[in-house]
Amino acid sequence: MRAVVVALGDLGRSARMQYHAHALAAHGVDVDLVGFEGTPLPRAMASEARIAVHRLRPSTLRAHTTRVGAGYAIVALVDATRLSFRLWRTLKSLPRPDLVLVQNPPAFPTLVVSWFALRRTGVRFVIDWHNLGYTLLRLRLGRWHPAVRLARWFERHDARRVDANLCVSHGLAAFLESRFGVRQARVLYDRPAAVFAPLERADRERYRQALFARLGIRGGLVGFIVCPTSWTEDEDFDVIIDAVSRLEEHIRGWEAVGPGRRFADLVILVTGDGARRAEFERRFAGLPARRIHLRARWLEPEDYPRVVGSADLGLCLHRSSSGLDIPMKIADLFGAGVPVCALDYGACLAERVRHGDNGLLFSTAVQLADVLFDLFETFPADQKRLDRLRAGARKSARPTWEEGWVREARPVLLPDI
């Protein structure tokens, strides 16, 4: 059996689609994995004999334009046209598949090109919904722009004509069924891969001290917060900048109340790379930090799980464009036994983050500053609240990605096995 897995994003950062490809290969399927050039793939993925990787050069006119409205839509159309040709040429060169699994978003041109290039009698088409593409476009163009309405029509049309739909939350599944007329959307939650596992206390402390040395942070009483990100427009970095300033003020007032009071230093490491990183690194550097050290770094795929596992707390700044997706970074944190402090954007997030159990939710910078102060006020001597949240995070790591995929995705993707 043969499958084509299409993810029109940087393949090295398309973790869910990598996991799909790896799971299919583990079940004896030969996989053609198609996506953009960029970040190197993890060694385990690159060396998998059943997976052939095909990387396209992205069309990036949109990344270099400041236009809005009609100007942006025209540039985006040119980008889509160029990319459509590259994708079509790559897909037509592949052996005939039995299964095509397409990531959404981006809906256009991924779905339409894949459909016309690979659709044959007996070929099964499945969309894996991470979010709604038209809501991401709405962030740039506004709710009533014709391009947004056209994008919504395309997504609805494609959702109804494929053989099956997978999605990342029950809220998204309910939307697809009620608004797009999908017969049955199956939920496959993002879950941690096996590389995300809790570290022993000694290993965690040893690794974080080495990391602090690389970041230029002196040792001592230091709490470590990791903030995985892709630096996209649906992540709210303003809230963390405002929260750091408020937290510094709170700490100064607390230390001034009694002699000898000392709040632990906090390191907040924002990981990943993207177009907005340089702008916010400049803003991070301008903060009058005394106790809070805000850093941004790109981590190699092999380093990332260990950095996550060595943290005391995870921070999620994702502000969903649709209110229906759940970012994979939360699953990674739970897999490493790290509780998450997440920006609250609605009921879908509560499907995975249970306030006070495996993490904490906040809505404003003031709330975030208060949460961080409360969690680290007695750090490291008294970590009862953090320990309780850690226990909840470890429970939330089950089932693993491999276990969940077999139960929830295999019947959809491989119904005859």
Protein backbone atom coordinates (compact mmCIF):
# COMPACT_ATOMS: atom_id res chain seq x y z
CA MET A 1 0.00 0.00 0.00
CA ARG A 2 1.16 3.55 -0.74
CA ALA A 3 0.20 6.92 0.77
CA VAL A 4 0.94 10.56 -0.03
CA VAL A 5 1.02 12.93 2.96
CA VAL A 6 0.89 16.62 1.96
CA ALA A 7 1.73 19.44 4.38
CA LEU A 8 2.28 22.82 2.74
CA GLY A 9 4.38 24.15 5.57
CA ASP A 10 7.98 23.72 6.66
CA LEU A 11 8.19 19.92 6.97
CA GLY A 12 10.66 20.15 9.84
CA ARG A 13 8.07 22.03 11.88
CA SER A 14 5.02 20.05 10.74
CA ALA A 15 5.18 17.61 13.65
CA ARG A 16 1.66 16.17 13.36
CA MET A 17 2.13 15.28 9.70
CA GLN A 18 5.55 13.78 10.48
CA TYR A 19 3.84 11.62 13.10
CA HIS A 20 1.19 10.55 10.60
CA ALA A 21 3.87 9.55 8.09
CA HIS A 22 5.81 7.63 10.71
CA ALA A 23 2.69 5.80 11.95
CA LEU A 24 1.68 4.82 8.40
CA ALA A 25 5.20 3.53 7.71
CA ALA A 26 5.09 1.51 10.94
CA HIS A 27 1.97 -0.21 9.57
CA GLY A 28 3.73 -1.27 6.37
CA VAL A 29 2.68 1.66 4.15
CA ASP A 30 5.15 3.28 1.75
CA VAL A 31 4.82 7.05 2.27
CA ASP A 32 5.64 10.04 0.07
CA LEU A 33 5.88 13.03 2.44
CA VAL A 34 5.49 16.33 0.58
CA GLY A 35 6.12 19.78 2.03
CA PHE A 36 8.34 22.85 2.10
CA GLU A 37 12.08 23.18 2.43
CA GLY A 38 13.43 24.60 5.66
CA THR A 39 14.04 23.05 9.05
CA PRO A 40 15.84 19.68 8.96
CA LEU A 41 13.74 16.66 9.79
CA PRO A 42 14.52 14.66 12.96
CA ARG A 43 17.06 11.93 12.28
CA ALA A 44 14.55 9.18 13.05
CA MET A 45 12.24 10.53 10.36
CA ALA A 46 14.93 11.17 7.74
CA SER A 47 16.30 7.64 8.11
CA GLU A 48 12.95 5.81 7.87
CA ALA A 49 13.25 3.50 4.84
CA ARG A 50 9.51 3.55 3.99
CA ILE A 51 9.29 7.36 3.88
CA ALA A 52 10.41 9.31 0.79
CA VAL A 53 10.63 13.05 1.45
CA HIS A 54 9.85 15.58 -1.30
CA ARG A 55 10.55 19.20 -0.32
CA LEU A 56 9.28 22.15 -2.36
CA ARG A 57 10.61 25.68 -2.49
CA PRO A 58 7.89 27.92 -0.99
CA SER A 59 6.62 31.01 -2.77
CA THR A 60 7.21 33.86 -0.32
CA LEU A 61 6.03 37.10 -1.89
CA ARG A 62 3.52 37.52 0.98
CA ALA A 63 6.29 37.39 3.56
CA HIS A 64 7.90 40.48 2.04
CA THR A 65 4.83 42.65 1.59
CA THR A 66 3.22 45.10 3.98
CA ARG A 67 0.12 45.48 1.83
CA VAL A 68 -3.35 44.94 3.21
CA GLY A 69 -6.76 44.40 1.68
CA ALA A 70 -6.89 43.99 -2.11
CA GLY A 71 -3.11 44.42 -2.47
CA TYR A 72 -2.40 41.55 -0.13
CA ALA A 73 -5.01 39.36 -1.82
CA ILE A 74 -3.36 39.89 -5.23
CA VAL A 75 0.10 39.03 -3.89
CA ALA A 76 -1.32 35.95 -2.16
CA LEU A 77 -2.96 34.85 -5.45
CA VAL A 78 0.38 35.14 -7.27
CA ASP A 79 2.01 33.09 -4.50
CA ALA A 80 -0.71 30.44 -4.74
CA THR A 81 -0.37 30.21 -8.53
CA ARG A 82 3.39 29.69 -8.39
CA LEU A 83 3.06 27.17 -5.59
CA SER A 84 0.25 25.31 -7.37
CA PHE A 85 2.53 24.63 -10.32
CA ARG A 86 5.38 23.35 -8.10
CA LEU A 87 3.02 21.13 -6.11
CA TRP A 88 1.30 19.78 -9.23
CA ARG A 89 4.64 18.91 -10.83
CA THR A 90 5.82 17.07 -7.70
CA LEU A 91 2.58 15.15 -7.14
CA LYS A 92 2.28 14.04 -10.77
CA SER A 93 5.77 12.53 -10.57
CA LEU A 94 4.84 10.23 -7.67
CA PRO A 95 3.69 6.60 -7.99
CA ARG A 96 -0.07 6.11 -7.80
CA PRO A 97 -1.17 6.17 -4.13
CA ASP A 98 -3.98 4.33 -2.37
CA LEU A 99 -4.34 7.08 0.26
CA VAL A 100 -3.87 10.86 0.20
CA LEU A 101 -3.74 12.69 3.53
CA VAL A 102 -3.76 16.49 3.24
CA GLN A 103 -3.10 18.99 6.02
CA ASN A 104 -5.44 21.96 6.35
CA PRO A 105 -4.69 24.87 6.59
CA PRO A 106 -3.56 25.99 4.12
CA ALA A 107 -6.64 24.97 2.17
CA PHE A 108 -5.61 26.63 -1.08
CA PRO A 109 -3.89 25.48 -3.18
CA THR A 110 -3.17 22.27 -1.20
CA LEU A 111 -6.56 20.60 -1.46
CA VAL A 112 -7.55 21.49 -5.00
CA VAL A 113 -4.14 20.68 -6.52
CA SER A 114 -3.84 17.41 -4.62
CA TRP A 115 -7.35 16.43 -5.69
CA PHE A 116 -6.82 17.01 -9.41
CA ALA A 117 -3.27 15.62 -9.43
CA LEU A 118 -3.94 12.40 -7.49
CA ARG A 119 -7.66 11.65 -7.61
CA ARG A 120 -8.28 8.27 -9.25
CA THR A 121 -10.79 5.48 -8.76
CA GLY A 122 -9.95 3.71 -5.53
CA VAL A 123 -7.75 6.50 -4.10
CA ARG A 124 -8.94 7.48 -0.61
CA PHE A 125 -8.75 11.22 0.27
CA VAL A 126 -8.64 12.43 3.88
CA ILE A 127 -8.23 15.97 5.26
CA ASP A 128 -6.47 16.46 8.59
CA TRP A 129 -7.91 19.68 10.04
CA HIS A 130 -5.57 21.62 12.33
CA ASN A 131 -7.63 24.81 12.15
CA LEU A 132 -9.82 26.70 9.68
CA GLY A 133 -7.83 28.38 6.92
CA TYR A 134 -10.33 31.15 6.27
CA THR A 135 -10.16 32.33 9.89
CA LEU A 136 -6.37 32.75 9.57
CA LEU A 137 -6.89 34.79 6.39
CA ARG A 138 -9.48 36.84 8.28
CA LEU A 139 -6.76 38.02 10.69
CA ARG A 140 -5.11 39.85 7.81
CA LEU A 141 -8.03 40.89 5.58
CA GLY A 142 -11.01 41.28 7.92
CA ARG A 143 -14.21 39.30 8.34
CA TRP A 144 -16.11 40.51 5.26
CA HIS A 145 -13.35 40.56 2.64
CA PRO A 146 -14.38 38.66 -0.53
CA ALA A 147 -11.21 36.53 -0.39
CA VAL A 148 -12.16 35.35 3.11
CA ARG A 149 -15.65 34.41 2.01
CA LEU A 150 -14.26 32.60 -1.07
CA ALA A 151 -11.75 30.72 1.11
CA ARG A 152 -14.58 29.59 3.40
CA TRP A 153 -16.56 28.33 0.40
CA PHE A 154 -13.57 26.33 -0.86
CA GLU A 155 -12.99 24.74 2.55
CA ARG A 156 -16.64 23.81 2.93
CA HIS A 157 -16.74 22.34 -0.57
CA ASP A 158 -13.58 20.28 -0.07
CA ALA A 159 -14.66 19.02 3.35
CA ARG A 160 -17.81 17.53 1.84
CA ARG A 161 -16.26 15.83 -1.19
CA VAL A 162 -13.38 13.94 0.46
CA ASP A 163 -13.76 10.45 1.92
CA ALA A 164 -13.10 11.36 5.55
CA ASN A 165 -12.08 14.17 7.87
CA LEU A 166 -9.80 14.07 10.92
CA CYS A 167 -9.55 17.06 13.27
CA VAL A 168 -7.77 18.16 16.46
CA SER A 169 -10.74 18.88 18.77
CA HIS A 170 -14.37 17.96 19.40
CA GLY A 171 -15.28 21.62 18.93
CA LEU A 172 -13.78 21.61 15.44
CA ALA A 173 -15.54 18.33 14.62
CA ALA A 174 -18.88 19.80 15.72
CA PHE A 175 -18.25 22.88 13.54
CA LEU A 176 -17.46 20.78 10.47
CA GLU A 177 -20.62 18.74 10.94
CA SER A 178 -23.00 21.62 11.70
CA ARG A 179 -21.60 24.37 9.44
CA PHE A 180 -19.87 22.52 6.62
CA GLY A 181 -22.27 19.57 6.39
CA VAL A 182 -19.62 16.92 6.98
CA ARG A 183 -21.21 13.55 7.72
CA GLN A 184 -18.81 12.47 10.46
CA ALA A 185 -15.56 14.12 11.49
CA ARG A 186 -13.28 11.97 13.63
CA VAL A 187 -11.23 13.54 16.42
CA LEU A 188 -7.53 12.74 16.72
CA TYR A 189 -6.08 14.82 19.52
CA ASP A 190 -2.50 15.98 19.28
CA ARG A 191 -0.57 13.80 21.69
CA PRO A 192 3.09 13.63 22.63
CA ALA A 193 5.48 11.47 20.66
CA ALA A 194 7.66 9.04 22.60
CA VAL A 195 10.60 11.50 22.69
CA PHE A 196 8.64 13.71 25.10
CA ALA A 197 9.01 12.06 28.49
CA PRO A 198 9.61 13.34 32.06
CA LEU A 199 13.26 13.70 33.05
CA GLU A 200 14.62 12.46 36.35
CA ARG A 201 15.26 15.31 38.80
CA ALA A 202 19.07 15.00 38.58
CA ASP A 203 19.04 14.89 34.76
CA ARG A 204 16.65 17.82 34.62
CA GLU A 205 18.82 19.97 36.88
CA ARG A 206 22.03 19.06 35.04
CA TYR A 207 20.56 19.84 31.63
CA ARG A 208 18.98 23.14 32.65
CA GLN A 209 22.22 24.39 34.20
CA ALA A 210 24.00 23.69 30.91
CA LEU A 211 21.20 25.49 29.08
CA PHE A 212 21.39 28.52 31.40
CA ALA A 213 25.12 28.76 30.72
CA ARG A 214 24.39 28.87 26.97
CA LEU A 215 21.80 31.61 27.57
CA GLY A 216 24.16 33.67 29.73
CA ILE A 217 22.13 33.12 32.92
CA ARG A 218 23.97 32.67 36.20
CA GLY A 219 22.97 29.76 38.44
CA GLY A 220 21.26 29.96 41.81
CA LEU A 221 17.55 30.03 42.59
CA VAL A 222 16.19 30.03 39.06
CA GLY A 223 12.76 28.93 37.89
CA PHE A 224 12.53 27.86 34.25
CA ILE A 225 9.54 28.52 31.98
CA VAL A 226 9.54 27.34 28.36
CA CYS A 227 7.27 28.97 25.78
CA PRO A 228 7.16 26.95 22.51
CA THR A 229 6.02 29.04 19.56
CA SER A 230 6.02 29.38 15.78
CA TRP A 231 6.01 33.21 15.92
CA THR A 232 2.77 33.37 13.94
CA GLU A 233 0.04 36.02 13.96
CA ASP A 234 -2.24 33.90 16.16
CA GLU A 235 0.20 34.09 19.09
CA ASP A 236 -0.02 37.02 21.49
CA PHE A 237 3.47 38.17 22.48
CA ASP A 238 2.25 41.55 23.72
CA VAL A 239 0.67 39.83 26.71
CA ILE A 240 3.98 38.34 27.88
CA ILE A 241 5.83 41.65 27.51
CA ASP A 242 3.20 43.45 29.57
CA ALA A 243 3.11 40.63 32.13
CA VAL A 244 6.89 40.70 32.64
CA SER A 245 6.79 44.42 33.42
CA ARG A 246 3.93 43.95 35.89
CA LEU A 247 5.59 40.95 37.51
CA GLU A 248 8.84 42.89 38.03
CA GLU A 249 6.88 45.62 39.83
CA HIS A 250 5.08 43.05 41.97
CA ILE A 251 8.36 41.39 42.95
CA ARG A 252 9.99 44.70 43.89
CA GLY A 253 7.07 45.54 46.17
CA TRP A 254 7.06 42.09 47.75
CA GLU A 255 10.82 42.16 48.45
CA ALA A 256 10.59 45.65 49.94
CA VAL A 257 8.06 44.57 52.58
CA GLY A 258 10.53 42.54 54.64
CA PRO A 259 14.33 42.41 54.87
CA GLY A 260 15.87 39.26 53.48
CA ARG A 261 13.02 38.51 51.12
CA ARG A 262 14.30 37.20 47.82
CA PHE A 263 12.17 36.12 44.88
CA ALA A 264 13.73 33.51 42.62
CA ASP A 265 14.95 34.63 39.21
CA LEU A 266 12.79 33.36 36.35
CA VAL A 267 14.04 32.39 32.89
CA ILE A 268 11.37 32.47 30.17
CA LEU A 269 12.68 30.86 27.00
CA VAL A 270 10.62 31.45 23.84
CA THR A 271 11.56 28.74 21.34
CA GLY A 272 11.07 28.39 17.61
CA ASP A 273 11.60 30.67 14.62
CA GLY A 274 9.42 32.76 12.36
CA ALA A 275 8.89 36.12 10.69
CA ARG A 276 7.95 37.96 13.89
CA ARG A 277 10.88 36.78 16.00
CA ALA A 278 13.31 39.65 15.23
CA GLU A 279 10.70 42.31 16.10
CA PHE A 280 9.92 40.82 19.50
CA GLU A 281 13.54 40.03 20.33
CA ARG A 282 14.18 43.78 20.09
CA ARG A 283 11.25 44.40 22.43
CA PHE A 284 12.43 41.71 24.84
CA ALA A 285 15.87 43.35 24.99
CA GLY A 286 14.29 46.70 25.87
CA LEU A 287 12.57 45.40 29.00
CA PRO A 288 14.04 46.63 32.33
CA ALA A 289 14.45 43.03 33.53
CA ARG A 290 15.81 42.46 37.03
CA ARG A 291 14.34 39.14 38.07
CA ILE A 292 12.77 37.97 34.78
CA HIS A 293 15.10 36.94 31.96
CA LEU A 294 13.25 36.72 28.63
CA ARG A 295 15.14 34.93 25.85
CA ALA A 296 14.33 33.69 22.34
CA ARG A 297 16.20 30.76 20.76
CA TRP A 298 15.81 28.28 17.93
CA LEU A 299 16.33 24.71 19.15
CA GLU A 300 17.38 21.70 17.08
CA PRO A 301 14.73 18.92 16.94
CA GLU A 302 16.89 16.64 19.09
CA ASP A 303 17.37 19.36 21.76
CA TYR A 304 13.78 20.51 21.97
CA PRO A 305 12.32 17.56 23.97
CA ARG A 306 15.07 17.86 26.59
CA VAL A 307 14.55 21.61 26.96
CA VAL A 308 10.82 21.07 27.41
CA GLY A 309 11.43 18.29 29.93
CA SER A 310 13.77 20.44 32.02
CA ALA A 311 11.21 23.24 32.52
CA ASP A 312 9.17 23.90 35.64
CA LEU A 313 6.26 25.33 33.65
CA GLY A 314 5.15 25.69 30.04
CA LEU A 315 3.64 28.89 28.66
CA CYS A 316 1.23 28.88 25.70
CA LEU A 317 0.44 32.24 24.04
CA HIS A 318 -1.70 30.80 21.24
CA ARG A 319 -4.83 32.86 20.55
CA SER A 320 -6.85 30.71 18.17
CA SER A 321 -8.15 32.42 15.02
CA SER A 322 -11.17 30.11 15.04
CA GLY A 323 -11.43 29.23 18.73
CA LEU A 324 -11.55 25.58 17.60
CA ASP A 325 -7.95 24.35 17.44
CA ILE A 326 -5.62 23.13 20.19
CA PRO A 327 -1.89 23.79 19.70
CA MET A 328 0.41 20.75 19.67
CA LYS A 329 2.84 22.46 22.07
CA ILE A 330 0.41 21.63 24.89
CA ALA A 331 0.66 17.92 24.10
CA ASP A 332 4.46 18.15 24.02
CA LEU A 333 4.51 19.76 27.47
CA PHE A 334 2.18 17.16 28.97
CA GLY A 335 4.30 14.38 27.50
CA ALA A 336 7.32 15.76 29.35
CA GLY A 337 5.29 16.03 32.57
CA VAL A 338 5.30 19.85 32.45
CA PRO A 339 2.11 21.74 33.37
CA VAL A 340 0.98 24.53 31.06
CA CYS A 341 -0.11 28.09 31.71
CA ALA A 342 -2.25 28.91 28.67
CA LEU A 343 -3.93 31.98 27.22
CA ASP A 344 -7.64 31.18 27.44
CA TYR A 345 -9.55 31.47 24.15
CA GLY A 346 -12.61 29.33 24.80
CA ALA A 347 -14.16 25.96 25.40
CA CYS A 348 -11.98 23.98 22.97
CA LEU A 349 -8.86 24.68 25.01
CA ALA A 350 -10.63 23.29 28.06
CA GLU A 351 -10.85 19.93 26.27
CA ARG A 352 -7.15 19.50 27.10
CA VAL A 353 -6.17 22.12 29.73
CA ARG A 354 -8.08 21.70 33.00
CA HIS A 355 -7.58 24.74 35.18
CA GLY A 356 -6.01 23.79 38.50
CA ASP A 357 -5.42 20.17 37.45
CA ASN A 358 -2.85 19.96 34.64
CA GLY A 359 -2.39 23.69 34.11
CA LEU A 360 -3.73 27.19 34.61
CA LEU A 361 -5.63 29.54 32.29
CA PHE A 362 -5.30 33.31 32.03
CA SER A 363 -6.93 35.97 29.87
CA THR A 364 -4.90 39.14 30.51
CA ALA A 365 -1.33 40.21 31.27
CA VAL A 366 -2.40 41.06 34.83
CA GLN A 367 -3.70 37.54 35.36
CA LEU A 368 -0.54 36.01 33.88
CA ALA A 369 1.68 38.11 36.18
CA ASP A 370 -0.40 37.06 39.20
CA VAL A 371 -0.28 33.37 38.25
CA LEU A 372 3.49 33.38 37.82
CA PHE A 373 3.99 35.22 41.11
CA ASP A 374 1.79 32.76 43.00
CA LEU A 375 3.50 29.70 41.50
CA PHE A 376 7.05 30.87 42.19
CA GLU A 377 6.62 32.91 45.40
CA THR A 378 8.07 30.10 47.55
CA PHE A 379 10.24 28.50 44.85
CA PRO A 380 12.25 26.31 45.17
CA ALA A 381 11.67 25.48 48.86
CA ASP A 382 7.94 24.87 48.51
CA GLN A 383 6.67 23.56 45.17
CA LYS A 384 3.46 21.91 46.32
CA ARG A 385 1.25 23.69 43.80
CA LEU A 386 3.67 23.04 40.93
CA ASP A 387 3.98 19.40 41.98
CA ARG A 388 0.20 19.00 41.95
CA LEU A 389 0.05 20.46 38.44
CA ARG A 390 2.94 18.25 37.32
CA ALA A 391 1.05 15.17 38.45
CA GLY A 392 -1.97 16.28 36.40
CA ALA A 393 0.24 16.93 33.36
CA ARG A 394 1.70 13.41 33.55
CA LYS A 395 -1.78 11.88 33.63
CA SER A 396 -2.76 13.97 30.60
CA ALA A 397 0.11 12.49 28.57
CA ARG A 398 -1.84 9.24 28.12
CA PRO A 399 -2.58 7.85 25.69
CA THR A 400 0.57 8.51 23.64
CA TRP A 401 0.43 9.58 20.00
CA GLU A 402 1.09 6.02 18.83
CA GLU A 403 -1.70 4.61 21.02
CA GLY A 404 -4.18 7.32 20.05
CA TRP A 405 -3.35 7.00 16.35
CA VAL A 406 -4.07 3.27 16.33
CA ARG A 407 -7.39 3.80 18.08
CA GLU A 408 -8.64 6.93 16.34
CA ALA A 409 -6.82 7.47 13.03
CA ARG A 410 -6.07 3.98 11.74
CA PRO A 411 -9.77 3.08 11.20
CA VAL A 412 -10.11 6.25 9.10
CA LEU A 413 -6.87 6.06 7.13
CA LEU A 414 -6.50 2.29 6.84
CA PRO A 415 -10.05 0.91 7.09
CA ASP A 416 -9.09 -2.42 5.55
CA ILE A 417 -6.40 -3.20 8.16
